[in-house]
Amino acid sequence: MYLNYERFRVRMFQERRRALPAIPTTVDESVLFLRGDGARFADFRNIDGKMENIFRSHLVAPGGGQSLVLNSSEMLTVLRNSASFVADAAFDPVPRRPAFRQIFTIHGKHVMGNVSNDHQ
């Protein structure tokens, strides 16, 4: 039996799209999604193997700008105990739907013995 790779690939993507929920089109839809049925997409496995939802809040600035805050208690502990921080803002890797403008991350340098590990 001959199997055409391109047809197989297209069919796999179609099935995957059917299995996944619809992509939110607005920030408000994203918030509802992360608080409801989509909460499992914001789950993060911590160092102890426990699952924790990293969606923390939806902030709205006086000018109407909106932010989604994602973190975990473990991430905050690493930042709290870090000797130094680095903040980074990027514009290209953000989703275009919904229309996010920027991703802003804070990284802490956590030193364990003689080995240093960078964590977000």
N, C-alpha and C. Protein backbone atom coordinates (compact mmCIF):
# COMPACT_ATOMS: atom_id res chain seq x y z
N MET A 1 0.84 -1.18 0.00
CA MET A 1 0.00 0.00 0.00
C MET A 1 0.89 1.24 0.00
N TYR A 2 0.59 2.17 -0.88
CA TYR A 2 1.36 3.41 -0.99
C TYR A 2 0.71 4.48 -0.13
N LEU A 3 1.50 5.17 0.68
CA LEU A 3 1.01 6.23 1.53
C LEU A 3 1.68 7.53 1.14
N ASN A 4 0.91 8.48 0.69
CA ASN A 4 1.42 9.78 0.29
C ASN A 4 1.68 10.60 1.56
N TYR A 5 2.92 11.01 1.77
CA TYR A 5 3.27 11.72 3.00
C TYR A 5 2.50 13.02 3.13
N GLU A 6 2.39 13.80 2.07
CA GLU A 6 1.72 15.10 2.15
C GLU A 6 0.24 14.93 2.52
N ARG A 7 -0.44 13.97 1.94
CA ARG A 7 -1.84 13.72 2.30
C ARG A 7 -1.96 13.29 3.76
N PHE A 8 -1.04 12.46 4.18
CA PHE A 8 -1.02 12.00 5.57
C PHE A 8 -0.82 13.18 6.53
N ARG A 9 0.13 14.05 6.21
CA ARG A 9 0.43 15.21 7.04
C ARG A 9 -0.79 16.14 7.14
N VAL A 10 -1.41 16.43 6.01
CA VAL A 10 -2.59 17.30 6.00
C VAL A 10 -3.71 16.69 6.83
N ARG A 11 -3.93 15.41 6.67
CA ARG A 11 -4.99 14.73 7.43
C ARG A 11 -4.70 14.76 8.93
N MET A 12 -3.46 14.59 9.32
CA MET A 12 -3.09 14.65 10.74
C MET A 12 -3.37 16.03 11.32
N PHE A 13 -3.02 17.09 10.58
CA PHE A 13 -3.29 18.45 11.05
C PHE A 13 -4.80 18.71 11.15
N GLN A 14 -5.57 18.20 10.21
CA GLN A 14 -7.03 18.36 10.27
C GLN A 14 -7.60 17.69 11.52
N GLU A 15 -7.16 16.50 11.80
CA GLU A 15 -7.64 15.78 12.98
C GLU A 15 -7.21 16.49 14.26
N ARG A 16 -6.00 17.01 14.26
CA ARG A 16 -5.50 17.73 15.43
C ARG A 16 -6.34 18.98 15.68
N ARG A 17 -6.66 19.72 14.62
CA ARG A 17 -7.48 20.93 14.76
C ARG A 17 -8.85 20.60 15.32
N ARG A 18 -9.42 19.47 14.91
CA ARG A 18 -10.72 19.06 15.42
C ARG A 18 -10.67 18.73 16.91
N ALA A 19 -9.56 18.20 17.35
CA ALA A 19 -9.42 17.78 18.75
C ALA A 19 -9.13 18.95 19.68
N LEU A 20 -8.55 20.03 19.15
CA LEU A 20 -8.19 21.18 19.98
C LEU A 20 -9.34 22.18 20.02
N PRO A 21 -9.45 22.95 21.10
CA PRO A 21 -10.49 23.98 21.17
C PRO A 21 -10.17 25.11 20.19
N ALA A 22 -11.19 25.91 19.90
CA ALA A 22 -11.01 27.06 19.01
C ALA A 22 -10.03 28.06 19.64
N ILE A 23 -9.24 28.69 18.80
CA ILE A 23 -8.29 29.70 19.27
C ILE A 23 -9.05 30.97 19.62
N PRO A 24 -8.86 31.52 20.82
CA PRO A 24 -9.55 32.77 21.18
C PRO A 24 -9.16 33.89 20.20
N THR A 25 -10.13 34.77 19.91
CA THR A 25 -9.86 35.87 18.99
C THR A 25 -9.65 37.20 19.68
N THR A 26 -9.97 37.29 20.96
CA THR A 26 -9.76 38.52 21.73
C THR A 26 -9.06 38.17 23.04
N VAL A 27 -8.54 39.19 23.69
CA VAL A 27 -7.90 38.98 25.00
C VAL A 27 -8.95 38.51 26.01
N ASP A 28 -10.14 39.11 25.97
CA ASP A 28 -11.20 38.69 26.89
C ASP A 28 -11.56 37.21 26.70
N GLU A 29 -11.63 36.76 25.45
CA GLU A 29 -11.88 35.35 25.19
C GLU A 29 -10.75 34.48 25.73
N SER A 30 -9.51 34.98 25.64
CA SER A 30 -8.36 34.25 26.17
C SER A 30 -8.48 34.07 27.67
N VAL A 31 -8.90 35.13 28.36
CA VAL A 31 -9.06 35.07 29.81
C VAL A 31 -10.14 34.05 30.18
N LEU A 32 -11.28 34.12 29.51
CA LEU A 32 -12.35 33.15 29.78
C LEU A 32 -11.89 31.73 29.51
N PHE A 33 -11.13 31.56 28.45
CA PHE A 33 -10.60 30.24 28.09
C PHE A 33 -9.66 29.72 29.17
N LEU A 34 -8.73 30.56 29.62
CA LEU A 34 -7.74 30.13 30.63
C LEU A 34 -8.37 29.90 31.99
N ARG A 35 -9.50 30.52 32.27
CA ARG A 35 -10.20 30.31 33.53
C ARG A 35 -11.18 29.15 33.46
N GLY A 36 -11.53 28.74 32.26
CA GLY A 36 -12.55 27.70 32.11
C GLY A 36 -12.00 26.43 31.49
N ASP A 37 -12.56 26.08 30.34
CA ASP A 37 -12.21 24.82 29.69
C ASP A 37 -10.74 24.73 29.29
N GLY A 38 -10.11 25.86 29.03
CA GLY A 38 -8.71 25.85 28.59
C GLY A 38 -7.71 25.87 29.72
N ALA A 39 -8.17 25.79 30.95
CA ALA A 39 -7.25 25.87 32.09
C ALA A 39 -6.14 24.83 32.00
N ARG A 40 -6.44 23.69 31.42
CA ARG A 40 -5.42 22.63 31.31
C ARG A 40 -4.26 23.04 30.42
N PHE A 41 -4.46 24.05 29.54
CA PHE A 41 -3.38 24.51 28.68
C PHE A 41 -2.43 25.45 29.41
N ALA A 42 -2.79 25.87 30.61
CA ALA A 42 -1.92 26.71 31.43
C ALA A 42 -1.34 25.93 32.59
N ASP A 43 -1.41 24.61 32.54
CA ASP A 43 -0.85 23.78 33.61
C ASP A 43 0.65 23.63 33.42
N PHE A 44 1.35 23.66 34.52
CA PHE A 44 2.80 23.59 34.55
C PHE A 44 3.19 22.56 35.60
N ARG A 45 4.08 21.67 35.27
CA ARG A 45 4.54 20.67 36.24
C ARG A 45 5.76 21.23 36.97
N ASN A 46 5.65 21.37 38.29
CA ASN A 46 6.76 21.93 39.06
C ASN A 46 7.83 20.87 39.33
N ILE A 47 8.86 21.25 40.04
CA ILE A 47 10.00 20.37 40.27
C ILE A 47 9.61 19.14 41.08
N ASP A 48 8.54 19.24 41.89
CA ASP A 48 8.06 18.11 42.67
C ASP A 48 7.12 17.21 41.88
N GLY A 49 6.87 17.57 40.63
CA GLY A 49 5.98 16.77 39.79
C GLY A 49 4.51 17.12 39.94
N LYS A 50 4.20 18.11 40.76
CA LYS A 50 2.80 18.51 40.96
C LYS A 50 2.39 19.50 39.87
N MET A 51 1.14 19.39 39.44
CA MET A 51 0.62 20.30 38.43
C MET A 51 0.11 21.57 39.10
N GLU A 52 0.40 22.71 38.48
CA GLU A 52 -0.05 24.00 38.99
C GLU A 52 -0.46 24.84 37.79
N ASN A 53 -1.60 25.50 37.90
CA ASN A 53 -2.05 26.38 36.83
C ASN A 53 -1.29 27.69 36.95
N ILE A 54 -0.66 28.14 35.87
CA ILE A 54 0.19 29.33 35.94
C ILE A 54 -0.53 30.61 35.53
N PHE A 55 -1.80 30.54 35.15
CA PHE A 55 -2.54 31.77 34.83
C PHE A 55 -2.92 32.45 36.14
N ARG A 56 -2.41 33.66 36.35
CA ARG A 56 -2.63 34.34 37.62
C ARG A 56 -3.67 35.45 37.53
N SER A 57 -3.56 36.33 36.55
CA SER A 57 -4.50 37.44 36.50
C SER A 57 -4.55 38.09 35.14
N HIS A 58 -5.58 38.89 34.98
CA HIS A 58 -5.81 39.69 33.79
C HIS A 58 -5.84 41.14 34.27
N LEU A 59 -4.89 41.93 33.84
CA LEU A 59 -4.78 43.32 34.27
C LEU A 59 -5.22 44.24 33.15
N VAL A 60 -5.96 45.30 33.50
CA VAL A 60 -6.38 46.29 32.52
C VAL A 60 -5.89 47.64 33.00
N ALA A 61 -5.08 48.31 32.17
CA ALA A 61 -4.53 49.63 32.52
C ALA A 61 -5.57 50.71 32.27
N PRO A 62 -5.40 51.89 32.90
CA PRO A 62 -6.35 52.99 32.68
C PRO A 62 -6.53 53.36 31.20
N GLY A 63 -5.48 53.21 30.40
CA GLY A 63 -5.58 53.53 28.98
C GLY A 63 -6.20 52.43 28.15
N GLY A 64 -6.54 51.31 28.77
CA GLY A 64 -7.18 50.21 28.06
C GLY A 64 -6.25 49.08 27.69
N GLY A 65 -4.94 49.25 27.88
CA GLY A 65 -4.01 48.16 27.60
C GLY A 65 -4.26 47.00 28.54
N GLN A 66 -4.04 45.79 28.06
CA GLN A 66 -4.33 44.60 28.86
C GLN A 66 -3.10 43.71 28.96
N SER A 67 -2.98 43.03 30.08
CA SER A 67 -1.88 42.09 30.28
C SER A 67 -2.42 40.81 30.91
N LEU A 68 -1.83 39.70 30.51
CA LEU A 68 -2.09 38.42 31.16
C LEU A 68 -0.85 38.07 31.96
N VAL A 69 -1.02 37.70 33.21
CA VAL A 69 0.11 37.38 34.08
C VAL A 69 0.16 35.88 34.28
N LEU A 70 1.31 35.29 33.96
CA LEU A 70 1.53 33.85 34.11
C LEU A 70 2.75 33.64 34.99
N ASN A 71 2.60 32.85 36.03
CA ASN A 71 3.73 32.48 36.89
C ASN A 71 3.31 31.31 37.76
N SER A 72 4.27 30.76 38.47
CA SER A 72 3.96 29.70 39.43
C SER A 72 4.62 30.06 40.75
N SER A 73 4.19 29.40 41.82
CA SER A 73 4.80 29.66 43.12
C SER A 73 6.28 29.30 43.08
N GLU A 74 6.62 28.24 42.34
CA GLU A 74 8.02 27.84 42.21
C GLU A 74 8.85 28.90 41.48
N MET A 75 8.28 29.44 40.40
CA MET A 75 8.98 30.49 39.66
C MET A 75 9.22 31.72 40.54
N LEU A 76 8.20 32.09 41.33
CA LEU A 76 8.34 33.25 42.21
C LEU A 76 9.38 33.01 43.30
N THR A 77 9.46 31.79 43.80
CA THR A 77 10.47 31.46 44.80
C THR A 77 11.87 31.60 44.22
N VAL A 78 12.06 31.12 42.99
CA VAL A 78 13.37 31.25 42.33
C VAL A 78 13.72 32.73 42.17
N LEU A 79 12.75 33.54 41.73
CA LEU A 79 13.02 34.98 41.57
C LEU A 79 13.35 35.64 42.91
N ARG A 80 12.59 35.27 43.93
CA ARG A 80 12.79 35.85 45.26
C ARG A 80 14.21 35.56 45.78
N ASN A 81 14.75 34.39 45.45
CA ASN A 81 16.06 33.98 45.94
C ASN A 81 17.19 34.22 44.94
N SER A 82 16.90 34.91 43.86
CA SER A 82 17.91 35.14 42.83
C SER A 82 18.84 36.28 43.20
N ALA A 83 20.08 36.12 42.78
CA ALA A 83 21.08 37.15 43.02
C ALA A 83 20.93 38.30 42.03
N SER A 84 20.42 38.01 40.84
CA SER A 84 20.24 39.06 39.83
C SER A 84 19.07 38.71 38.93
N PHE A 85 18.56 39.73 38.25
CA PHE A 85 17.42 39.58 37.36
C PHE A 85 17.76 40.12 35.98
N VAL A 86 17.10 39.58 34.98
CA VAL A 86 17.18 40.12 33.63
C VAL A 86 15.75 40.14 33.10
N ALA A 87 15.35 41.28 32.55
CA ALA A 87 14.02 41.40 31.95
C ALA A 87 14.19 41.48 30.44
N ASP A 88 13.26 40.88 29.72
CA ASP A 88 13.35 40.85 28.27
C ASP A 88 11.96 41.06 27.68
N ALA A 89 11.89 41.91 26.67
CA ALA A 89 10.64 42.15 25.96
C ALA A 89 10.84 41.78 24.49
N ALA A 90 9.91 41.05 23.95
CA ALA A 90 10.00 40.65 22.55
C ALA A 90 8.66 40.92 21.88
N PHE A 91 8.72 41.28 20.61
CA PHE A 91 7.51 41.61 19.88
C PHE A 91 7.16 40.56 18.82
N ASP A 92 8.15 39.90 18.24
CA ASP A 92 7.89 38.97 17.14
C ASP A 92 7.22 37.65 17.53
N PRO A 93 7.56 37.03 18.68
CA PRO A 93 7.00 35.69 18.95
C PRO A 93 5.59 35.68 19.52
N VAL A 94 4.95 36.84 19.67
CA VAL A 94 3.62 36.85 20.28
C VAL A 94 2.56 36.40 19.29
N PRO A 95 1.49 35.78 19.79
CA PRO A 95 0.42 35.34 18.88
C PRO A 95 -0.26 36.54 18.21
N ARG A 96 -0.64 36.38 16.98
CA ARG A 96 -1.34 37.43 16.25
C ARG A 96 -2.85 37.34 16.46
N ARG A 97 -3.29 36.23 16.99
CA ARG A 97 -4.70 36.04 17.25
C ARG A 97 -4.87 35.37 18.59
N PRO A 98 -5.36 36.03 19.62
CA PRO A 98 -5.76 37.43 19.65
C PRO A 98 -4.56 38.35 19.49
N ALA A 99 -4.83 39.59 19.27
CA ALA A 99 -3.77 40.54 18.91
C ALA A 99 -2.96 40.99 20.13
N PHE A 100 -2.02 40.16 20.54
CA PHE A 100 -1.09 40.56 21.59
C PHE A 100 0.03 41.35 20.93
N ARG A 101 0.61 42.29 21.66
CA ARG A 101 1.66 43.13 21.09
C ARG A 101 3.06 42.72 21.55
N GLN A 102 3.15 42.17 22.74
CA GLN A 102 4.48 41.97 23.31
C GLN A 102 4.45 40.85 24.33
N ILE A 103 5.59 40.16 24.48
CA ILE A 103 5.77 39.22 25.58
C ILE A 103 6.91 39.79 26.44
N PHE A 104 6.67 39.84 27.73
CA PHE A 104 7.66 40.40 28.65
C PHE A 104 7.99 39.32 29.67
N THR A 105 9.25 38.97 29.79
CA THR A 105 9.66 37.92 30.73
C THR A 105 10.69 38.46 31.70
N ILE A 106 10.69 37.89 32.88
CA ILE A 106 11.69 38.23 33.90
C ILE A 106 12.41 36.93 34.24
N HIS A 107 13.71 36.96 34.15
CA HIS A 107 14.55 35.78 34.42
C HIS A 107 15.39 36.06 35.66
N GLY A 108 15.51 35.07 36.51
CA GLY A 108 16.37 35.19 37.68
C GLY A 108 17.51 34.19 37.60
N LYS A 109 18.65 34.60 38.07
CA LYS A 109 19.79 33.68 38.10
C LYS A 109 19.83 33.04 39.48
N HIS A 110 19.66 31.74 39.47
CA HIS A 110 19.59 30.98 40.72
C HIS A 110 20.85 30.13 40.82
N VAL A 111 21.61 30.30 41.88
CA VAL A 111 22.87 29.57 42.04
C VAL A 111 22.66 28.44 43.03
N MET A 112 23.05 27.24 42.61
CA MET A 112 22.96 26.06 43.47
C MET A 112 24.36 25.48 43.58
N GLY A 113 25.01 25.65 44.70
CA GLY A 113 26.39 25.17 44.86
C GLY A 113 27.29 25.92 43.88
N ASN A 114 28.04 25.18 43.06
CA ASN A 114 28.91 25.79 42.07
C ASN A 114 28.28 25.85 40.68
N VAL A 115 27.02 25.41 40.60
CA VAL A 115 26.35 25.36 39.30
C VAL A 115 25.28 26.44 39.28
N SER A 116 25.25 27.21 38.22
CA SER A 116 24.18 28.22 38.12
C SER A 116 23.20 27.80 37.04
N ASN A 117 21.93 27.99 37.34
CA ASN A 117 20.85 27.66 36.40
C ASN A 117 20.00 28.90 36.17
N ASP A 118 19.68 29.17 34.91
CA ASP A 118 18.78 30.28 34.60
C ASP A 118 17.36 29.75 34.58
N HIS A 119 16.47 30.44 35.25
CA HIS A 119 15.04 30.07 35.28
C HIS A 119 14.23 31.27 34.86
N GLN A 120 13.06 31.01 34.28
CA GLN A 120 12.12 32.10 33.97
C GLN A 120 11.28 32.36 35.18
